[in-house]
C-alpha atoms as a PDB file:
ATOM      1  CA  MET A   1      -3.495 -43.744   6.072  1.00  0.00           C
ATOM      2  CA  ARG A   2      -2.604 -40.192   6.907  1.00  0.00           C
ATOM      3  CA  THR A   3      -3.498 -39.196  10.611  1.00  0.00           C
ATOM      4  CA  VAL A   4      -3.842 -35.568  11.677  1.00  0.00           C
ATOM      5  CA  ILE A   5      -3.959 -34.494  15.025  1.00  0.00           C
ATOM      6  CA  THR A   6      -4.960 -30.849  16.440  1.00  0.00           C
ATOM      7  CA  TYR A   7      -5.593 -29.596  19.824  1.00  0.00           C
ATOM      8  CA  GLY A   8      -7.990 -26.869  21.254  1.00  0.00           C
ATOM      9  CA  THR A   9     -10.682 -25.717  23.808  1.00  0.00           C
ATOM     10  CA  PHE A  10     -13.300 -25.531  21.101  1.00  0.00           C
ATOM     11  CA  ASP A  11     -15.593 -23.168  23.713  1.00  0.00           C
ATOM     12  CA  LEU A  12     -18.410 -21.592  22.127  1.00  0.00           C
ATOM     13  CA  PHE A  13     -18.163 -23.556  18.867  1.00  0.00           C
ATOM     14  CA  HIS A  14     -18.136 -21.275  15.913  1.00  0.00           C
ATOM     15  CA  ILE A  15     -17.232 -21.247  12.186  1.00  0.00           C
ATOM     16  CA  GLY A  16     -13.542 -20.554  12.976  1.00  0.00           C
ATOM     17  CA  HIS A  17     -13.316 -24.111  14.740  1.00  0.00           C
ATOM     18  CA  LEU A  18     -15.298 -25.606  11.836  1.00  0.00           C
ATOM     19  CA  ARG A  19     -13.086 -24.082   9.227  1.00  0.00           C
ATOM     20  CA  LEU A  20      -9.745 -25.282  11.169  1.00  0.00           C
ATOM     21  CA  LEU A  21     -11.181 -28.699  11.446  1.00  0.00           C
ATOM     22  CA  ALA A  22     -11.821 -28.777   7.685  1.00  0.00           C
ATOM     23  CA  ARG A  23      -8.460 -27.499   6.656  1.00  0.00           C
ATOM     24  CA  ALA A  24      -6.897 -30.323   9.309  1.00  0.00           C
ATOM     25  CA  ARG A  25      -8.836 -32.935   7.871  1.00  0.00           C
ATOM     26  CA  ASP A  26      -7.761 -31.666   4.133  1.00  0.00           C
ATOM     27  CA  LEU A  27      -4.146 -32.865   5.364  1.00  0.00           C
ATOM     28  CA  GLY A  28      -4.887 -36.494   5.904  1.00  0.00           C
ATOM     29  CA  ASP A  29      -7.203 -39.268   5.925  1.00  0.00           C
ATOM     30  CA  ARG A  30      -8.122 -39.505   9.502  1.00  0.00           C
ATOM     31  CA  LEU A  31      -8.634 -36.341  12.222  1.00  0.00           C
ATOM     32  CA  VAL A  32      -8.072 -36.853  15.930  1.00  0.00           C
ATOM     33  CA  VAL A  33      -8.928 -33.944  17.968  1.00  0.00           C
ATOM     34  CA  ALA A  34      -7.682 -33.386  21.376  1.00  0.00           C
ATOM     35  CA  ILE A  35      -9.860 -31.165  23.492  1.00  0.00           C
ATOM     36  CA  SER A  36      -8.532 -29.390  26.684  1.00  0.00           C
ATOM     37  CA  THR A  37     -10.398 -30.731  29.682  1.00  0.00           C
ATOM     38  CA  ASP A  38     -11.864 -28.171  32.362  1.00  0.00           C
ATOM     39  CA  ALA A  39      -9.023 -29.140  34.795  1.00  0.00           C
ATOM     40  CA  PHE A  40      -6.336 -28.557  32.266  1.00  0.00           C
ATOM     41  CA  ASN A  41      -7.905 -25.127  31.282  1.00  0.00           C
ATOM     42  CA  ALA A  42      -8.105 -24.177  34.989  1.00  0.00           C
ATOM     43  CA  GLY A  43      -4.497 -24.908  35.538  1.00  0.00           C
ATOM     44  CA  LYS A  44      -3.867 -22.420  32.426  1.00  0.00           C
ATOM     45  CA  GLY A  45      -6.059 -19.852  34.111  1.00  0.00           C
ATOM     46  CA  LYS A  46      -8.767 -20.263  31.315  1.00  0.00           C
ATOM     47  CA  LYS A  47     -12.379 -20.463  32.126  1.00  0.00           C
ATOM     48  CA  THR A  48     -14.680 -22.229  29.599  1.00  0.00           C
ATOM     49  CA  ILE A  49     -18.448 -21.376  29.192  1.00  0.00           C
ATOM     50  CA  VAL A  50     -19.269 -24.968  27.878  1.00  0.00           C
ATOM     51  CA  PRO A  51     -18.165 -27.888  30.053  1.00  0.00           C
ATOM     52  CA  TYR A  52     -15.782 -30.316  28.578  1.00  0.00           C
ATOM     53  CA  ALA A  53     -18.224 -33.377  28.122  1.00  0.00           C
ATOM     54  CA  GLN A  54     -20.458 -30.891  26.195  1.00  0.00           C
ATOM     55  CA  ARG A  55     -17.494 -29.391  23.832  1.00  0.00           C
ATOM     56  CA  ALA A  56     -16.492 -33.165  23.290  1.00  0.00           C
ATOM     57  CA  GLU A  57     -20.099 -34.254  22.094  1.00  0.00           C
ATOM     58  CA  ILE A  58     -20.264 -31.089  19.947  1.00  0.00           C
ATOM     59  CA  VAL A  59     -16.815 -31.890  18.061  1.00  0.00           C
ATOM     60  CA  SER A  60     -17.518 -35.785  18.318  1.00  0.00           C
ATOM     61  CA  ALA A  61     -20.692 -35.128  16.075  1.00  0.00           C
ATOM     62  CA  ILE A  62     -18.583 -33.306  13.232  1.00  0.00           C
ATOM     63  CA  ARG A  63     -18.443 -35.740  10.177  1.00  0.00           C
ATOM     64  CA  LEU A  64     -14.716 -34.421   9.761  1.00  0.00           C
ATOM     65  CA  VAL A  65     -13.632 -35.681  13.006  1.00  0.00           C
ATOM     66  CA  ASP A  66     -12.805 -39.402  13.437  1.00  0.00           C
ATOM     67  CA  GLU A  67     -11.878 -39.300  17.084  1.00  0.00           C
ATOM     68  CA  VAL A  68     -11.995 -36.811  20.206  1.00  0.00           C
ATOM     69  CA  ILE A  69      -9.673 -37.494  23.019  1.00  0.00           C
ATOM     70  CA  PRO A  70      -9.079 -35.405  26.165  1.00  0.00           C
ATOM     71  CA  GLU A  71      -6.157 -33.090  26.335  1.00  0.00           C
ATOM     72  CA  ASN A  72      -4.942 -33.090  30.243  1.00  0.00           C
ATOM     73  CA  SER A  73      -1.592 -31.665  29.941  1.00  0.00           C
ATOM     74  CA  TRP A  74       1.246 -29.826  27.710  1.00  0.00           C
ATOM     75  CA  GLU A  75       3.228 -32.816  27.920  1.00  0.00           C
ATOM     76  CA  GLN A  76       0.892 -35.469  26.320  1.00  0.00           C
ATOM     77  CA  LYS A  77       1.294 -34.240  22.828  1.00  0.00           C
ATOM     78  CA  ARG A  78       4.553 -36.257  22.041  1.00  0.00           C
ATOM     79  CA  ARG A  79       2.809 -39.428  23.667  1.00  0.00           C
ATOM     80  CA  ASP A  80      -0.431 -38.596  21.617  1.00  0.00           C
ATOM     81  CA  ILE A  81       1.396 -38.545  18.195  1.00  0.00           C
ATOM     82  CA  ILE A  82       3.092 -41.800  18.982  1.00  0.00           C
ATOM     83  CA  ASP A  83       0.021 -43.559  20.119  1.00  0.00           C
ATOM     84  CA  HIS A  84      -2.226 -42.362  17.503  1.00  0.00           C
ATOM     85  CA  LYS A  85       0.513 -42.905  14.682  1.00  0.00           C
ATOM     86  CA  VAL A  86       0.229 -39.273  13.707  1.00  0.00           C
ATOM     87  CA  ASN A  87       1.502 -37.835  10.546  1.00  0.00           C
ATOM     88  CA  VAL A  88       0.696 -34.226  10.882  1.00  0.00           C
ATOM     89  CA  PHE A  89       0.312 -32.132  13.790  1.00  0.00           C
ATOM     90  CA  VAL A  90      -1.834 -29.020  13.265  1.00  0.00           C
ATOM     91  CA  MET A  91      -2.277 -25.846  15.380  1.00  0.00           C
ATOM     92  CA  GLY A  92      -3.735 -22.229  14.608  1.00  0.00           C
ATOM     93  CA  GLU A  93      -0.855 -19.685  13.373  1.00  0.00           C
ATOM     94  CA  ASP A  94      -1.242 -17.936  16.918  1.00  0.00           C
ATOM     95  CA  TRP A  95       0.886 -20.797  18.008  1.00  0.00           C
ATOM     96  CA  ARG A  96       3.471 -20.591  15.240  1.00  0.00           C
ATOM     97  CA  GLY A  97       6.876 -22.078  16.519  1.00  0.00           C
ATOM     98  CA  LYS A  98       5.622 -23.260  19.722  1.00  0.00           C
ATOM     99  CA  PHE A  99       5.533 -26.924  18.735  1.00  0.00           C
ATOM    100  CA  ASP A 100       8.381 -27.128  16.347  1.00  0.00           C
ATOM    101  CA  GLU A 101      10.179 -29.570  18.761  1.00  0.00           C
ATOM    102  CA  LEU A 102       7.619 -32.167  17.382  1.00  0.00           C
ATOM    103  CA  LYS A 103       8.982 -32.305  13.988  1.00  0.00           C
ATOM    104  CA  ASN A 104      11.235 -34.853  14.585  1.00  0.00           C
ATOM    105  CA  LEU A 105       7.992 -37.140  15.059  1.00  0.00           C
ATOM    106  CA  CYS A 106       5.810 -35.920  12.475  1.00  0.00           C
ATOM    107  CA  ASP A 107       5.005 -32.685  10.093  1.00  0.00           C
ATOM    108  CA  VAL A 108       3.943 -29.487  12.034  1.00  0.00           C
ATOM    109  CA  VAL A 109       1.568 -27.278  10.428  1.00  0.00           C
ATOM    110  CA  TYR A 110       0.220 -23.915  11.555  1.00  0.00           C
ATOM    111  CA  LEU A 111      -2.905 -22.987   9.846  1.00  0.00           C
ATOM    112  CA  PRO A 112      -4.290 -19.416   9.551  1.00  0.00           C
ATOM    113  CA  ARG A 113      -7.122 -18.251  11.982  1.00  0.00           C
ATOM    114  CA  THR A 114     -10.475 -17.329  10.521  1.00  0.00           C
ATOM    115  CA  LYS A 115     -10.515 -13.340  10.519  1.00  0.00           C
ATOM    116  CA  GLY A 116     -13.228 -11.719  12.512  1.00  0.00           C
ATOM    117  CA  ILE A 117     -13.990 -14.522  14.996  1.00  0.00           C
ATOM    118  CA  SER A 118     -12.534 -15.865  18.269  1.00  0.00           C
ATOM    119  CA  SER A 119     -13.719 -17.492  21.303  1.00  0.00           C
ATOM    120  CA  THR A 120     -12.142 -14.618  23.249  1.00  0.00           C
ATOM    121  CA  GLU A 121     -13.889 -12.110  21.476  1.00  0.00           C
ATOM    122  CA  ILE A 122     -17.157 -13.827  21.965  1.00  0.00           C
ATOM    123  CA  LYS A 123     -16.628 -13.965  25.867  1.00  0.00           C
ATOM    124  CA  GLN A 124     -15.555 -10.407  25.884  1.00  0.00           C
ATOM    125  CA  LEU A 125     -18.962  -9.452  24.300  1.00  0.00           C
ATOM    126  CA  LEU A 126     -20.852 -11.996  26.671  1.00  0.00           C
ATOM    127  CA  ALA A 127     -19.022 -10.540  30.057  1.00  0.00           C
ATOM    128  CA  PRO A 128     -21.613  -7.750  30.604  1.00  0.00           C
ATOM    129  CA  LEU A 129     -24.466 -10.406  30.184  1.00  0.00           C
ATOM    130  CA  SER A 130     -26.149 -11.256  33.498  1.00  0.00           C
ATOM    131  CA  ARG A 131     -26.185 -14.830  34.873  1.00  0.00           C
ATOM    132  CA  GLU A 132     -29.757 -15.264  33.731  1.00  0.00           C
ATOM    133  CA  HIS A 133     -28.554 -14.557  30.190  1.00  0.00           C
ATOM    134  CA  THR A 134     -25.437 -16.627  30.334  1.00  0.00           C
ATOM    135  CA  GLU A 135     -27.747 -19.645  31.412  1.00  0.00           C
ATOM    136  CA  ALA A 136     -29.839 -18.981  28.615  1.00  0.00           C
ATOM    137  CA  LEU A 137     -26.895 -19.176  26.193  1.00  0.00           C
ATOM    138  CA  ARG A 138     -25.738 -22.375  27.693  1.00  0.00           C
ATOM    139  CA  GLY A 139     -29.074 -23.878  26.878  1.00  0.00           C
ATOM    140  CA  ALA A 140     -28.932 -22.550  23.129  1.00  0.00           C
ATOM    141  CA  LEU A 141     -25.504 -24.058  22.991  1.00  0.00           C
ATOM    142  CA  GLU A 142     -26.743 -27.540  24.095  1.00  0.00           C
ATOM    143  CA  THR A 143     -29.452 -27.320  21.526  1.00  0.00           C
ATOM    144  CA  ILE A 144     -27.161 -26.538  18.828  1.00  0.00           C
ATOM    145  CA  GLY A 145     -25.004 -29.550  19.978  1.00  0.00           C
ATOM    146  CA  GLU A 146     -28.120 -31.621  19.851  1.00  0.00           C
ATOM    147  CA  ILE A 147     -28.885 -30.205  16.130  1.00  0.00           C
ATOM    148  CA  ILE A 148     -25.620 -31.062  15.219  1.00  0.00           C
ATOM    149  CA  SER A 149     -25.878 -34.649  16.412  1.00  0.00           C
ATOM    150  CA  ARG A 150     -28.999 -35.315  14.594  1.00  0.00           C
ATOM    151  CA  LEU A 151     -27.480 -33.722  11.138  1.00  0.00           C
ATOM    152  CA  ASN A 152     -24.851 -36.572  11.147  1.00  0.00           C
END
């Protein structure tokens, strides 16, 4: 069995995320997804819209994904590869070269991003919205997560 692992925040889940997961899954038989926790993101100076537990639930509900684990630190990747018997480590091409030191443990693959969409761009578009609009968006995202869960 060939195990693939990828890491990400997966905030405001969109088609680019789904396509990354599909391409990662195509590289093996089992897909493990490590999702950055809120605390880890805060340490990176990054704020998410959707809390970790909901992001993990959304990604867990996707048929392509076999296991979701929390990402708590930069350093855990080496341990995760060993613990989960990973054959392929996958990241988006914007990380090219940043994880090459893991090549002594497994294959390291950088996949192209989906053009025209990113969580950062979506957040920039949402920035002018009021708190009321942001809360409505959170509610809509929770509903989307519930729909995805029911589809599987």
